[in-house]
Amino acid sequence: MIKDVTDLEVYRLSLESLEKIYALANLLPQIHRRLRYQITEAAEKIPPQIAEGFGKKKSPREFCRFLSMALGSSDEVITHLREIEIVSKTFTRISKDNCTSLIAEYKVISKKLNRLLTAWQKFD
């Protein structure tokens, strides 16, 4: 039974993946500081959006709205990771494999958010 937002696997995964995003973002050179800011900002939005939506779960429409925002943020992270893959061709301290692994993680997060969103839309 789900009693708390921490019982949601997608919430826990988004927090765990955030640590890896911080580590990767710190490897970006100063010339790509905007990309560093964008990826961390997008990744940081996901857990609070899930939590805020969970807090409003008595209103399925509100919960779905926050899940939808979290899904958009997750997809944004994937796009920024693809940009970092391009940067990794020039800056060898950034591992393309690390980017690929994180893309896979955020695809899982997006799929889980999408499934949760679809399930809750039935209650609306």
PDB file of N, CA and C in Angstrom:
ATOM      1  N   MET A   1       0.834  -1.182   0.000  1.00  0.00           N
ATOM      2  CA  MET A   1       0.000   0.000   0.000  1.00  0.00           C
ATOM      3  C   MET A   1       0.882   1.251   0.000  1.00  0.00           C
ATOM      4  N   ILE A   2       0.481   2.224  -0.748  1.00  0.00           N
ATOM      5  CA  ILE A   2       1.242   3.470  -0.862  1.00  0.00           C
ATOM      6  C   ILE A   2       0.680   4.479   0.139  1.00  0.00           C
ATOM      7  N   LYS A   3       1.475   4.770   1.167  1.00  0.00           N
ATOM      8  CA  LYS A   3       1.044   5.702   2.208  1.00  0.00           C
ATOM      9  C   LYS A   3       1.766   7.039   2.118  1.00  0.00           C
ATOM     10  N   ASP A   4       2.942   6.995   1.523  1.00  0.00           N
ATOM     11  CA  ASP A   4       3.812   8.168   1.497  1.00  0.00           C
ATOM     12  C   ASP A   4       4.447   8.263   0.115  1.00  0.00           C
ATOM     13  N   VAL A   5       4.842   9.451  -0.281  1.00  0.00           N
ATOM     14  CA  VAL A   5       5.447   9.627  -1.607  1.00  0.00           C
ATOM     15  C   VAL A   5       6.701   8.766  -1.766  1.00  0.00           C
ATOM     16  N   THR A   6       7.383   8.497  -0.664  1.00  0.00           N
ATOM     17  CA  THR A   6       8.595   7.670  -0.747  1.00  0.00           C
ATOM     18  C   THR A   6       8.275   6.213  -1.079  1.00  0.00           C
ATOM     19  N   ASP A   7       7.009   5.842  -0.993  1.00  0.00           N
ATOM     20  CA  ASP A   7       6.594   4.496  -1.398  1.00  0.00           C
ATOM     21  C   ASP A   7       6.506   4.360  -2.916  1.00  0.00           C
ATOM     22  N   LEU A   8       6.500   5.480  -3.619  1.00  0.00           N
ATOM     23  CA  LEU A   8       6.457   5.458  -5.087  1.00  0.00           C
ATOM     24  C   LEU A   8       7.863   5.198  -5.629  1.00  0.00           C
ATOM     25  N   GLU A   9       8.005   4.120  -6.365  1.00  0.00           N
ATOM     26  CA  GLU A   9       9.311   3.756  -6.919  1.00  0.00           C
ATOM     27  C   GLU A   9       9.863   4.862  -7.819  1.00  0.00           C
ATOM     28  N   VAL A  10       9.005   5.479  -8.605  1.00  0.00           N
ATOM     29  CA  VAL A  10       9.461   6.515  -9.537  1.00  0.00           C
ATOM     30  C   VAL A  10      10.036   7.718  -8.775  1.00  0.00           C
ATOM     31  N   TYR A  11       9.483   8.007  -7.627  1.00  0.00           N
ATOM     32  CA  TYR A  11      10.003   9.094  -6.791  1.00  0.00           C
ATOM     33  C   TYR A  11      11.415   8.750  -6.305  1.00  0.00           C
ATOM     34  N   ARG A  12      11.567   7.533  -5.790  1.00  0.00           N
ATOM     35  CA  ARG A  12      12.886   7.096  -5.299  1.00  0.00           C
ATOM     36  C   ARG A  12      13.918   7.067  -6.421  1.00  0.00           C
ATOM     37  N   LEU A  13      13.524   6.559  -7.582  1.00  0.00           N
ATOM     38  CA  LEU A  13      14.448   6.511  -8.728  1.00  0.00           C
ATOM     39  C   LEU A  13      14.888   7.911  -9.147  1.00  0.00           C
ATOM     40  N   SER A  14      13.956   8.853  -9.136  1.00  0.00           N
ATOM     41  CA  SER A  14      14.307  10.216  -9.556  1.00  0.00           C
ATOM     42  C   SER A  14      15.303  10.855  -8.596  1.00  0.00           C
ATOM     43  N   LEU A  15      15.194  10.538  -7.311  1.00  0.00           N
ATOM     44  CA  LEU A  15      16.167  11.051  -6.337  1.00  0.00           C
ATOM     45  C   LEU A  15      17.532  10.387  -6.510  1.00  0.00           C
ATOM     46  N   GLU A  16      17.529   9.076  -6.715  1.00  0.00           N
ATOM     47  CA  GLU A  16      18.793   8.350  -6.901  1.00  0.00           C
ATOM     48  C   GLU A  16      19.525   8.823  -8.155  1.00  0.00           C
ATOM     49  N   SER A  17      18.793   9.066  -9.210  1.00  0.00           N
ATOM     50  CA  SER A  17      19.402   9.496 -10.470  1.00  0.00           C
ATOM     51  C   SER A  17      19.917  10.926 -10.383  1.00  0.00           C
ATOM     52  N   LEU A  18      19.324  11.719  -9.515  1.00  0.00           N
ATOM     53  CA  LEU A  18      19.739  13.113  -9.358  1.00  0.00           C
ATOM     54  C   LEU A  18      21.205  13.211  -8.936  1.00  0.00           C
ATOM     55  N   GLU A  19      21.628  12.323  -8.064  1.00  0.00           N
ATOM     56  CA  GLU A  19      23.035  12.304  -7.631  1.00  0.00           C
ATOM     57  C   GLU A  19      23.984  12.127  -8.815  1.00  0.00           C
ATOM     58  N   LYS A  20      23.607  11.241  -9.717  1.00  0.00           N
ATOM     59  CA  LYS A  20      24.432  10.970 -10.899  1.00  0.00           C
ATOM     60  C   LYS A  20      24.449  12.167 -11.847  1.00  0.00           C
ATOM     61  N   ILE A  21      23.335  12.878 -11.909  1.00  0.00           N
ATOM     62  CA  ILE A  21      23.270  14.083 -12.748  1.00  0.00           C
ATOM     63  C   ILE A  21      24.218  15.145 -12.199  1.00  0.00           C
ATOM     64  N   TYR A  22      24.234  15.328 -10.872  1.00  0.00           N
ATOM     65  CA  TYR A  22      25.158  16.292 -10.265  1.00  0.00           C
ATOM     66  C   TYR A  22      26.606  15.948 -10.612  1.00  0.00           C
ATOM     67  N   ALA A  23      26.943  14.685 -10.499  1.00  0.00           N
ATOM     68  CA  ALA A  23      28.319  14.254 -10.788  1.00  0.00           C
ATOM     69  C   ALA A  23      28.679  14.524 -12.245  1.00  0.00           C
ATOM     70  N   LEU A  24      27.772  14.210 -13.149  1.00  0.00           N
ATOM     71  CA  LEU A  24      28.024  14.439 -14.574  1.00  0.00           C
ATOM     72  C   LEU A  24      28.108  15.933 -14.880  1.00  0.00           C
ATOM     73  N   ALA A  25      27.197  16.708 -14.318  1.00  0.00           N
ATOM     74  CA  ALA A  25      27.172  18.152 -14.574  1.00  0.00           C
ATOM     75  C   ALA A  25      28.466  18.821 -14.112  1.00  0.00           C
ATOM     76  N   ASN A  26      29.039  18.324 -13.031  1.00  0.00           N
ATOM     77  CA  ASN A  26      30.291  18.893 -12.526  1.00  0.00           C
ATOM     78  C   ASN A  26      31.475  18.630 -13.449  1.00  0.00           C
ATOM     79  N   LEU A  27      31.338  17.668 -14.340  1.00  0.00           N
ATOM     80  CA  LEU A  27      32.409  17.381 -15.305  1.00  0.00           C
ATOM     81  C   LEU A  27      32.359  18.301 -16.525  1.00  0.00           C
ATOM     82  N   LEU A  28      31.225  18.974 -16.706  1.00  0.00           N
ATOM     83  CA  LEU A  28      31.097  19.853 -17.877  1.00  0.00           C
ATOM     84  C   LEU A  28      32.034  21.048 -17.754  1.00  0.00           C
ATOM     85  N   PRO A  29      32.691  21.410 -18.835  1.00  0.00           N
ATOM     86  CA  PRO A  29      33.580  22.574 -18.794  1.00  0.00           C
ATOM     87  C   PRO A  29      32.780  23.868 -18.632  1.00  0.00           C
ATOM     88  N   GLN A  30      33.466  24.888 -18.172  1.00  0.00           N
ATOM     89  CA  GLN A  30      32.838  26.183 -17.905  1.00  0.00           C
ATOM     90  C   GLN A  30      32.110  26.737 -19.132  1.00  0.00           C
ATOM     91  N   ILE A  31      32.615  26.461 -20.303  1.00  0.00           N
ATOM     92  CA  ILE A  31      31.991  26.966 -21.529  1.00  0.00           C
ATOM     93  C   ILE A  31      30.558  26.434 -21.693  1.00  0.00           C
ATOM     94  N   HIS A  32      30.269  25.314 -21.035  1.00  0.00           N
ATOM     95  CA  HIS A  32      28.932  24.710 -21.104  1.00  0.00           C
ATOM     96  C   HIS A  32      28.179  24.872 -19.780  1.00  0.00           C
ATOM     97  N   ARG A  33      28.407  25.974 -19.078  1.00  0.00           N
ATOM     98  CA  ARG A  33      27.754  26.200 -17.784  1.00  0.00           C
ATOM     99  C   ARG A  33      26.235  26.304 -17.916  1.00  0.00           C
ATOM    100  N   ARG A  34      25.769  26.812 -19.044  1.00  0.00           N
ATOM    101  CA  ARG A  34      24.323  26.906 -19.270  1.00  0.00           C
ATOM    102  C   ARG A  34      23.692  25.507 -19.327  1.00  0.00           C
ATOM    103  N   LEU A  35      24.351  24.601 -20.014  1.00  0.00           N
ATOM    104  CA  LEU A  35      23.878  23.220 -20.101  1.00  0.00           C
ATOM    105  C   LEU A  35      23.907  22.561 -18.716  1.00  0.00           C
ATOM    106  N   ARG A  36      24.951  22.851 -17.948  1.00  0.00           N
ATOM    107  CA  ARG A  36      25.060  22.331 -16.577  1.00  0.00           C
ATOM    108  C   ARG A  36      23.859  22.791 -15.750  1.00  0.00           C
ATOM    109  N   TYR A  37      23.547  24.069 -15.865  1.00  0.00           N
ATOM    110  CA  TYR A  37      22.413  24.627 -15.127  1.00  0.00           C
ATOM    111  C   TYR A  37      21.094  23.995 -15.591  1.00  0.00           C
ATOM    112  N   GLN A  38      20.919  23.881 -16.902  1.00  0.00           N
ATOM    113  CA  GLN A  38      19.659  23.364 -17.444  1.00  0.00           C
ATOM    114  C   GLN A  38      19.405  21.912 -17.042  1.00  0.00           C
ATOM    115  N   ILE A  39      20.423  21.075 -17.121  1.00  0.00           N
ATOM    116  CA  ILE A  39      20.204  19.662 -16.794  1.00  0.00           C
ATOM    117  C   ILE A  39      19.952  19.472 -15.302  1.00  0.00           C
ATOM    118  N   THR A  40      20.693  20.191 -14.461  1.00  0.00           N
ATOM    119  CA  THR A  40      20.457  20.035 -13.024  1.00  0.00           C
ATOM    120  C   THR A  40      19.095  20.607 -12.641  1.00  0.00           C
ATOM    121  N   GLU A  41      18.716  21.718 -13.234  1.00  0.00           N
ATOM    122  CA  GLU A  41      17.405  22.305 -12.927  1.00  0.00           C
ATOM    123  C   GLU A  41      16.276  21.350 -13.322  1.00  0.00           C
ATOM    124  N   ALA A  42      16.359  20.775 -14.509  1.00  0.00           N
ATOM    125  CA  ALA A  42      15.317  19.845 -14.971  1.00  0.00           C
ATOM    126  C   ALA A  42      15.254  18.606 -14.074  1.00  0.00           C
ATOM    127  N   ALA A  43      16.413  18.053 -13.728  1.00  0.00           N
ATOM    128  CA  ALA A  43      16.450  16.847 -12.884  1.00  0.00           C
ATOM    129  C   ALA A  43      15.961  17.141 -11.466  1.00  0.00           C
ATOM    130  N   GLU A  44      16.283  18.335 -10.964  1.00  0.00           N
ATOM    131  CA  GLU A  44      15.855  18.716  -9.612  1.00  0.00           C
ATOM    132  C   GLU A  44      14.349  18.923  -9.516  1.00  0.00           C
ATOM    133  N   LYS A  45      13.699  19.217 -10.611  1.00  0.00           N
ATOM    134  CA  LYS A  45      12.253  19.472 -10.593  1.00  0.00           C
ATOM    135  C   LYS A  45      11.431  18.202 -10.419  1.00  0.00           C
ATOM    136  N   ILE A  46      11.951  17.072 -10.867  1.00  0.00           N
ATOM    137  CA  ILE A  46      11.140  15.845 -10.916  1.00  0.00           C
ATOM    138  C   ILE A  46      10.656  15.381  -9.536  1.00  0.00           C
ATOM    139  N   PRO A  47      11.544  15.149  -8.554  1.00  0.00           N
ATOM    140  CA  PRO A  47      11.044  14.667  -7.253  1.00  0.00           C
ATOM    141  C   PRO A  47      10.028  15.611  -6.585  1.00  0.00           C
ATOM    142  N   PRO A  48      10.269  16.927  -6.548  1.00  0.00           N
ATOM    143  CA  PRO A  48       9.274  17.799  -5.919  1.00  0.00           C
ATOM    144  C   PRO A  48       7.931  17.832  -6.665  1.00  0.00           C
ATOM    145  N   GLN A  49       7.976  17.712  -7.989  1.00  0.00           N
ATOM    146  CA  GLN A  49       6.721  17.697  -8.738  1.00  0.00           C
ATOM    147  C   GLN A  49       5.914  16.449  -8.396  1.00  0.00           C
ATOM    148  N   ILE A  50       6.597  15.313  -8.290  1.00  0.00           N
ATOM    149  CA  ILE A  50       5.910  14.078  -7.896  1.00  0.00           C
ATOM    150  C   ILE A  50       5.354  14.234  -6.478  1.00  0.00           C
ATOM    151  N   ALA A  51       6.172  14.770  -5.576  1.00  0.00           N
ATOM    152  CA  ALA A  51       5.757  14.928  -4.177  1.00  0.00           C
ATOM    153  C   ALA A  51       4.574  15.885  -4.046  1.00  0.00           C
ATOM    154  N   GLU A  52       4.634  17.002  -4.738  1.00  0.00           N
ATOM    155  CA  GLU A  52       3.532  17.963  -4.647  1.00  0.00           C
ATOM    156  C   GLU A  52       2.251  17.371  -5.217  1.00  0.00           C
ATOM    157  N   GLY A  53       2.375  16.665  -6.327  1.00  0.00           N
ATOM    158  CA  GLY A  53       1.208  16.004  -6.905  1.00  0.00           C
ATOM    159  C   GLY A  53       0.651  14.943  -5.974  1.00  0.00           C
ATOM    160  N   PHE A  54       1.538  14.179  -5.337  1.00  0.00           N
ATOM    161  CA  PHE A  54       1.104  13.141  -4.401  1.00  0.00           C
ATOM    162  C   PHE A  54       0.330  13.762  -3.245  1.00  0.00           C
ATOM    163  N   GLY A  55       0.770  14.923  -2.814  1.00  0.00           N
ATOM    164  CA  GLY A  55       0.080  15.629  -1.736  1.00  0.00           C
ATOM    165  C   GLY A  55      -1.323  16.062  -2.123  1.00  0.00           C
ATOM    166  N   LYS A  56      -1.585  16.133  -3.419  1.00  0.00           N
ATOM    167  CA  LYS A  56      -2.905  16.549  -3.914  1.00  0.00           C
ATOM    168  C   LYS A  56      -3.645  15.388  -4.561  1.00  0.00           C
ATOM    169  N   LYS A  57      -3.296  14.172  -4.151  1.00  0.00           N
ATOM    170  CA  LYS A  57      -3.861  12.991  -4.815  1.00  0.00           C
ATOM    171  C   LYS A  57      -5.365  12.836  -4.618  1.00  0.00           C
ATOM    172  N   LYS A  58      -5.934  13.585  -3.689  1.00  0.00           N
ATOM    173  CA  LYS A  58      -7.391  13.536  -3.526  1.00  0.00           C
ATOM    174  C   LYS A  58      -8.086  14.152  -4.728  1.00  0.00           C
ATOM    175  N   SER A  59      -7.340  14.951  -5.467  1.00  0.00           N
ATOM    176  CA  SER A  59      -7.843  15.509  -6.722  1.00  0.00           C
ATOM    177  C   SER A  59      -7.050  14.863  -7.859  1.00  0.00           C
ATOM    178  N   PRO A  60      -7.614  13.838  -8.501  1.00  0.00           N
ATOM    179  CA  PRO A  60      -6.887  13.156  -9.581  1.00  0.00           C
ATOM    180  C   PRO A  60      -6.386  14.108 -10.668  1.00  0.00           C
ATOM    181  N   ARG A  61      -7.162  15.123 -10.972  1.00  0.00           N
ATOM    182  CA  ARG A  61      -6.758  16.078 -12.013  1.00  0.00           C
ATOM    183  C   ARG A  61      -5.476  16.804 -11.616  1.00  0.00           C
ATOM    184  N   GLU A  62      -5.390  17.219 -10.354  1.00  0.00           N
ATOM    185  CA  GLU A  62      -4.188  17.917  -9.871  1.00  0.00           C
ATOM    186  C   GLU A  62      -2.978  16.981  -9.847  1.00  0.00           C
ATOM    187  N   PHE A  63      -3.184  15.769  -9.366  1.00  0.00           N
ATOM    188  CA  PHE A  63      -2.092  14.799  -9.327  1.00  0.00           C
ATOM    189  C   PHE A  63      -1.578  14.557 -10.743  1.00  0.00           C
ATOM    190  N   CYS A  64      -2.486  14.400 -11.687  1.00  0.00           N
ATOM    191  CA  CYS A  64      -2.099  14.178 -13.090  1.00  0.00           C
ATOM    192  C   CYS A  64      -1.336  15.370 -13.655  1.00  0.00           C
ATOM    193  N   ARG A  65      -1.746  16.562 -13.253  1.00  0.00           N
ATOM    194  CA  ARG A  65      -1.062  17.771 -13.740  1.00  0.00           C
ATOM    195  C   ARG A  65       0.401  17.773 -13.292  1.00  0.00           C
ATOM    196  N   PHE A  66       0.638  17.439 -12.040  1.00  0.00           N
ATOM    197  CA  PHE A  66       2.013  17.417 -11.529  1.00  0.00           C
ATOM    198  C   PHE A  66       2.813  16.260 -12.117  1.00  0.00           C
ATOM    199  N   LEU A  67       2.170  15.117 -12.303  1.00  0.00           N
ATOM    200  CA  LEU A  67       2.859  13.992 -12.945  1.00  0.00           C
ATOM    201  C   LEU A  67       3.242  14.344 -14.377  1.00  0.00           C
ATOM    202  N   SER A  68       2.369  15.075 -15.048  1.00  0.00           N
ATOM    203  CA  SER A  68       2.649  15.503 -16.421  1.00  0.00           C
ATOM    204  C   SER A  68       3.850  16.453 -16.465  1.00  0.00           C
ATOM    205  N   MET A  69       3.932  17.353 -15.491  1.00  0.00           N
ATOM    206  CA  MET A  69       5.085  18.262 -15.426  1.00  0.00           C
ATOM    207  C   MET A  69       6.369  17.479 -15.148  1.00  0.00           C
ATOM    208  N   ALA A  70       6.291  16.497 -14.254  1.00  0.00           N
ATOM    209  CA  ALA A  70       7.463  15.670 -13.943  1.00  0.00           C
ATOM    210  C   ALA A  70       7.908  14.890 -15.175  1.00  0.00           C
ATOM    211  N   LEU A  71       6.945  14.395 -15.942  1.00  0.00           N
ATOM    212  CA  LEU A  71       7.254  13.671 -17.179  1.00  0.00           C
ATOM    213  C   LEU A  71       7.962  14.592 -18.171  1.00  0.00           C
ATOM    214  N   GLY A  72       7.485  15.816 -18.297  1.00  0.00           N
ATOM    215  CA  GLY A  72       8.137  16.784 -19.179  1.00  0.00           C
ATOM    216  C   GLY A  72       9.561  17.075 -18.733  1.00  0.00           C
ATOM    217  N   SER A  73       9.765  17.200 -17.438  1.00  0.00           N
ATOM    218  CA  SER A  73      11.113  17.450 -16.907  1.00  0.00           C
ATOM    219  C   SER A  73      12.031  16.259 -17.163  1.00  0.00           C
ATOM    220  N   SER A  74      11.507  15.057 -17.009  1.00  0.00           N
ATOM    221  CA  SER A  74      12.304  13.854 -17.263  1.00  0.00           C
ATOM    222  C   SER A  74      12.727  13.785 -18.733  1.00  0.00           C
ATOM    223  N   ASP A  75      11.801  14.077 -19.618  1.00  0.00           N
ATOM    224  CA  ASP A  75      12.130  14.079 -21.048  1.00  0.00           C
ATOM    225  C   ASP A  75      13.131  15.187 -21.388  1.00  0.00           C
ATOM    226  N   GLU A  76      13.039  16.303 -20.669  1.00  0.00           N
ATOM    227  CA  GLU A  76      14.008  17.388 -20.865  1.00  0.00           C
ATOM    228  C   GLU A  76      15.410  16.931 -20.445  1.00  0.00           C
ATOM    229  N   VAL A  77      15.501  16.196 -19.348  1.00  0.00           N
ATOM    230  CA  VAL A  77      16.794  15.664 -18.892  1.00  0.00           C
ATOM    231  C   VAL A  77      17.397  14.765 -19.968  1.00  0.00           C
ATOM    232  N   ILE A  78      16.567  13.923 -20.570  1.00  0.00           N
ATOM    233  CA  ILE A  78      17.047  13.029 -21.631  1.00  0.00           C
ATOM    234  C   ILE A  78      17.630  13.835 -22.785  1.00  0.00           C
ATOM    235  N   THR A  79      16.958  14.907 -23.168  1.00  0.00           N
ATOM    236  CA  THR A  79      17.456  15.761 -24.254  1.00  0.00           C
ATOM    237  C   THR A  79      18.798  16.387 -23.886  1.00  0.00           C
ATOM    238  N   HIS A  80      18.919  16.883 -22.655  1.00  0.00           N
ATOM    239  CA  HIS A  80      20.187  17.482 -22.223  1.00  0.00           C
ATOM    240  C   HIS A  80      21.299  16.433 -22.160  1.00  0.00           C
ATOM    241  N   LEU A  81      20.955  15.216 -21.785  1.00  0.00           N
ATOM    242  CA  LEU A  81      21.960  14.145 -21.778  1.00  0.00           C
ATOM    243  C   LEU A  81      22.446  13.850 -23.192  1.00  0.00           C
ATOM    244  N   ARG A  82      21.560  13.929 -24.149  1.00  0.00           N
ATOM    245  CA  ARG A  82      21.975  13.736 -25.553  1.00  0.00           C
ATOM    246  C   ARG A  82      22.899  14.871 -25.994  1.00  0.00           C
ATOM    247  N   GLU A  83      22.637  16.072 -25.507  1.00  0.00           N
ATOM    248  CA  GLU A  83      23.532  17.196 -25.809  1.00  0.00           C
ATOM    249  C   GLU A  83      24.908  16.957 -25.186  1.00  0.00           C
ATOM    250  N   ILE A  84      24.917  16.433 -23.966  1.00  0.00           N
ATOM    251  CA  ILE A  84      26.187  16.154 -23.290  1.00  0.00           C
ATOM    252  C   ILE A  84      26.947  15.046 -24.013  1.00  0.00           C
ATOM    253  N   GLU A  85      26.239  14.101 -24.602  1.00  0.00           N
ATOM    254  CA  GLU A  85      26.907  13.073 -25.417  1.00  0.00           C
ATOM    255  C   GLU A  85      27.689  13.726 -26.552  1.00  0.00           C
ATOM    256  N   ILE A  86      27.125  14.756 -27.147  1.00  0.00           N
ATOM    257  CA  ILE A  86      27.812  15.488 -28.222  1.00  0.00           C
ATOM    258  C   ILE A  86      29.051  16.183 -27.657  1.00  0.00           C
ATOM    259  N   VAL A  87      28.897  16.808 -26.488  1.00  0.00           N
ATOM    260  CA  VAL A  87      30.020  17.486 -25.833  1.00  0.00           C
ATOM    261  C   VAL A  87      31.128  16.482 -25.501  1.00  0.00           C
ATOM    262  N   SER A  88      30.741  15.252 -25.156  1.00  0.00           N
ATOM    263  CA  SER A  88      31.728  14.236 -24.755  1.00  0.00           C
ATOM    264  C   SER A  88      32.693  13.874 -25.878  1.00  0.00           C
ATOM    265  N   LYS A  89      32.326  14.179 -27.107  1.00  0.00           N
ATOM    266  CA  LYS A  89      33.230  13.910 -28.233  1.00  0.00           C
ATOM    267  C   LYS A  89      34.452  14.824 -28.180  1.00  0.00           C
ATOM    268  N   THR A  90      34.271  15.999 -27.598  1.00  0.00           N
ATOM    269  CA  THR A  90      35.347  16.978 -27.505  1.00  0.00           C
ATOM    270  C   THR A  90      36.067  16.919 -26.158  1.00  0.00           C
ATOM    271  N   PHE A  91      35.302  16.694 -25.096  1.00  0.00           N
ATOM    272  CA  PHE A  91      35.861  16.695 -23.743  1.00  0.00           C
ATOM    273  C   PHE A  91      35.877  15.265 -23.212  1.00  0.00           C
ATOM    274  N   THR A  92      37.042  14.657 -23.253  1.00  0.00           N
ATOM    275  CA  THR A  92      37.171  13.221 -22.973  1.00  0.00           C
ATOM    276  C   THR A  92      36.910  12.839 -21.513  1.00  0.00           C
ATOM    277  N   ARG A  93      36.907  13.797 -20.608  1.00  0.00           N
ATOM    278  CA  ARG A  93      36.637  13.419 -19.212  1.00  0.00           C
ATOM    279  C   ARG A  93      35.166  13.071 -18.997  1.00  0.00           C
ATOM    280  N   ILE A  94      34.333  13.373 -19.997  1.00  0.00           N
ATOM    281  CA  ILE A  94      32.919  12.998 -19.942  1.00  0.00           C
ATOM    282  C   ILE A  94      32.747  11.700 -20.722  1.00  0.00           C
ATOM    283  N   SER A  95      32.231  10.697 -20.045  1.00  0.00           N
ATOM    284  CA  SER A  95      32.063   9.377 -20.646  1.00  0.00           C
ATOM    285  C   SER A  95      30.729   9.279 -21.391  1.00  0.00           C
ATOM    286  N   LYS A  96      30.819   8.902 -22.660  1.00  0.00           N
ATOM    287  CA  LYS A  96      29.600   8.697 -23.450  1.00  0.00           C
ATOM    288  C   LYS A  96      28.779   7.566 -22.844  1.00  0.00           C
ATOM    289  N   ASP A  97      29.458   6.540 -22.328  1.00  0.00           N
ATOM    290  CA  ASP A  97      28.760   5.410 -21.694  1.00  0.00           C
ATOM    291  C   ASP A  97      27.954   5.862 -20.478  1.00  0.00           C
ATOM    292  N   ASN A  98      28.510   6.804 -19.727  1.00  0.00           N
ATOM    293  CA  ASN A  98      27.800   7.351 -18.573  1.00  0.00           C
ATOM    294  C   ASN A  98      26.521   8.055 -19.030  1.00  0.00           C
ATOM    295  N   CYS A  99      26.626   8.822 -20.101  1.00  0.00           N
ATOM    296  CA  CYS A  99      25.451   9.512 -20.659  1.00  0.00           C
ATOM    297  C   CYS A  99      24.409   8.498 -21.118  1.00  0.00           C
ATOM    298  N   THR A 100      24.858   7.478 -21.818  1.00  0.00           N
ATOM    299  CA  THR A 100      23.952   6.442 -22.327  1.00  0.00           C
ATOM    300  C   THR A 100      23.234   5.741 -21.175  1.00  0.00           C
ATOM    301  N   SER A 101      23.968   5.457 -20.115  1.00  0.00           N
ATOM    302  CA  SER A 101      23.392   4.809 -18.939  1.00  0.00           C
ATOM    303  C   SER A 101      22.334   5.701 -18.276  1.00  0.00           C
ATOM    304  N   LEU A 102      22.651   6.988 -18.158  1.00  0.00           N
ATOM    305  CA  LEU A 102      21.697   7.925 -17.560  1.00  0.00           C
ATOM    306  C   LEU A 102      20.466   8.120 -18.443  1.00  0.00           C
ATOM    307  N   ILE A 103      20.660   8.122 -19.749  1.00  0.00           N
ATOM    308  CA  ILE A 103      19.511   8.218 -20.661  1.00  0.00           C
ATOM    309  C   ILE A 103      18.581   7.032 -20.421  1.00  0.00           C
ATOM    310  N   ALA A 104      19.154   5.855 -20.283  1.00  0.00           N
ATOM    311  CA  ALA A 104      18.346   4.652 -20.019  1.00  0.00           C
ATOM    312  C   ALA A 104      17.592   4.785 -18.692  1.00  0.00           C
ATOM    313  N   GLU A 105      18.259   5.316 -17.666  1.00  0.00           N
ATOM    314  CA  GLU A 105      17.606   5.505 -16.363  1.00  0.00           C
ATOM    315  C   GLU A 105      16.433   6.470 -16.470  1.00  0.00           C
ATOM    316  N   TYR A 106      16.644   7.579 -17.171  1.00  0.00           N
ATOM    317  CA  TYR A 106      15.572   8.571 -17.281  1.00  0.00           C
ATOM    318  C   TYR A 106      14.453   8.107 -18.216  1.00  0.00           C
ATOM    319  N   LYS A 107      14.760   7.225 -19.145  1.00  0.00           N
ATOM    320  CA  LYS A 107      13.691   6.621 -19.953  1.00  0.00           C
ATOM    321  C   LYS A 107      12.801   5.751 -19.067  1.00  0.00           C
ATOM    322  N   VAL A 108      13.411   5.035 -18.134  1.00  0.00           N
ATOM    323  CA  VAL A 108      12.638   4.225 -17.184  1.00  0.00           C
ATOM    324  C   VAL A 108      11.762   5.136 -16.321  1.00  0.00           C
ATOM    325  N   ILE A 109      12.342   6.229 -15.843  1.00  0.00           N
ATOM    326  CA  ILE A 109      11.578   7.188 -15.035  1.00  0.00           C
ATOM    327  C   ILE A 109      10.402   7.729 -15.843  1.00  0.00           C
ATOM    328  N   SER A 110      10.648   8.113 -17.086  1.00  0.00           N
ATOM    329  CA  SER A 110       9.574   8.633 -17.936  1.00  0.00           C
ATOM    330  C   SER A 110       8.480   7.588 -18.150  1.00  0.00           C
ATOM    331  N   LYS A 111       8.870   6.353 -18.384  1.00  0.00           N
ATOM    332  CA  LYS A 111       7.879   5.283 -18.589  1.00  0.00           C
ATOM    333  C   LYS A 111       7.050   5.057 -17.333  1.00  0.00           C
ATOM    334  N   LYS A 112       7.706   5.071 -16.183  1.00  0.00           N
ATOM    335  CA  LYS A 112       6.983   4.871 -14.926  1.00  0.00           C
ATOM    336  C   LYS A 112       6.041   6.043 -14.649  1.00  0.00           C
ATOM    337  N   LEU A 113       6.497   7.247 -14.941  1.00  0.00           N
ATOM    338  CA  LEU A 113       5.623   8.413 -14.779  1.00  0.00           C
ATOM    339  C   LEU A 113       4.429   8.320 -15.722  1.00  0.00           C
ATOM    340  N   ASN A 114       4.686   7.903 -16.941  1.00  0.00           N
ATOM    341  CA  ASN A 114       3.613   7.782 -17.925  1.00  0.00           C
ATOM    342  C   ASN A 114       2.583   6.738 -17.484  1.00  0.00           C
ATOM    343  N   ARG A 115       3.050   5.611 -16.962  1.00  0.00           N
ATOM    344  CA  ARG A 115       2.131   4.566 -16.485  1.00  0.00           C
ATOM    345  C   ARG A 115       1.302   5.057 -15.295  1.00  0.00           C
ATOM    346  N   LEU A 116       1.969   5.756 -14.383  1.00  0.00           N
ATOM    347  CA  LEU A 116       1.264   6.292 -13.219  1.00  0.00           C
ATOM    348  C   LEU A 116       0.235   7.332 -13.652  1.00  0.00           C
ATOM    349  N   LEU A 117       0.624   8.174 -14.570  1.00  0.00           N
ATOM    350  CA  LEU A 117      -0.274   9.198 -15.105  1.00  0.00           C
ATOM    351  C   LEU A 117      -1.486   8.557 -15.778  1.00  0.00           C
ATOM    352  N   THR A 118      -1.254   7.562 -16.602  1.00  0.00           N
ATOM    353  CA  THR A 118      -2.344   6.866 -17.296  1.00  0.00           C
ATOM    354  C   THR A 118      -3.301   6.219 -16.294  1.00  0.00           C
ATOM    355  N   ALA A 119      -2.743   5.609 -15.251  1.00  0.00           N
ATOM    356  CA  ALA A 119      -3.579   4.966 -14.230  1.00  0.00           C
ATOM    357  C   ALA A 119      -4.449   5.990 -13.501  1.00  0.00           C
ATOM    358  N   TRP A 120      -3.871   7.137 -13.165  1.00  0.00           N
ATOM    359  CA  TRP A 120      -4.628   8.152 -12.429  1.00  0.00           C
ATOM    360  C   TRP A 120      -5.629   8.892 -13.301  1.00  0.00           C
ATOM    361  N   GLN A 121      -5.380   8.964 -14.592  1.00  0.00           N
ATOM    362  CA  GLN A 121      -6.328   9.635 -15.486  1.00  0.00           C
ATOM    363  C   GLN A 121      -7.662   8.897 -15.527  1.00  0.00           C
ATOM    364  N   LYS A 122      -7.656   7.627 -15.217  1.00  0.00           N
ATOM    365  CA  LYS A 122      -8.899   6.841 -15.193  1.00  0.00           C
ATOM    366  C   LYS A 122      -9.823   7.288 -14.060  1.00  0.00           C
ATOM    367  N   PHE A 123      -9.248   7.910 -13.021  1.00  0.00           N
ATOM    368  CA  PHE A 123     -10.048   8.368 -11.881  1.00  0.00           C
ATOM    369  C   PHE A 123     -10.613   9.766 -12.095  1.00  0.00           C
ATOM    370  N   ASP A 124     -10.183  10.427 -13.135  1.00  0.00           N
ATOM    371  CA  ASP A 124     -10.602  11.814 -13.378  1.00  0.00           C
ATOM    372  C   ASP A 124     -11.958  11.860 -14.047  1.00  0.00           C
TER     373      ASP A 124
END
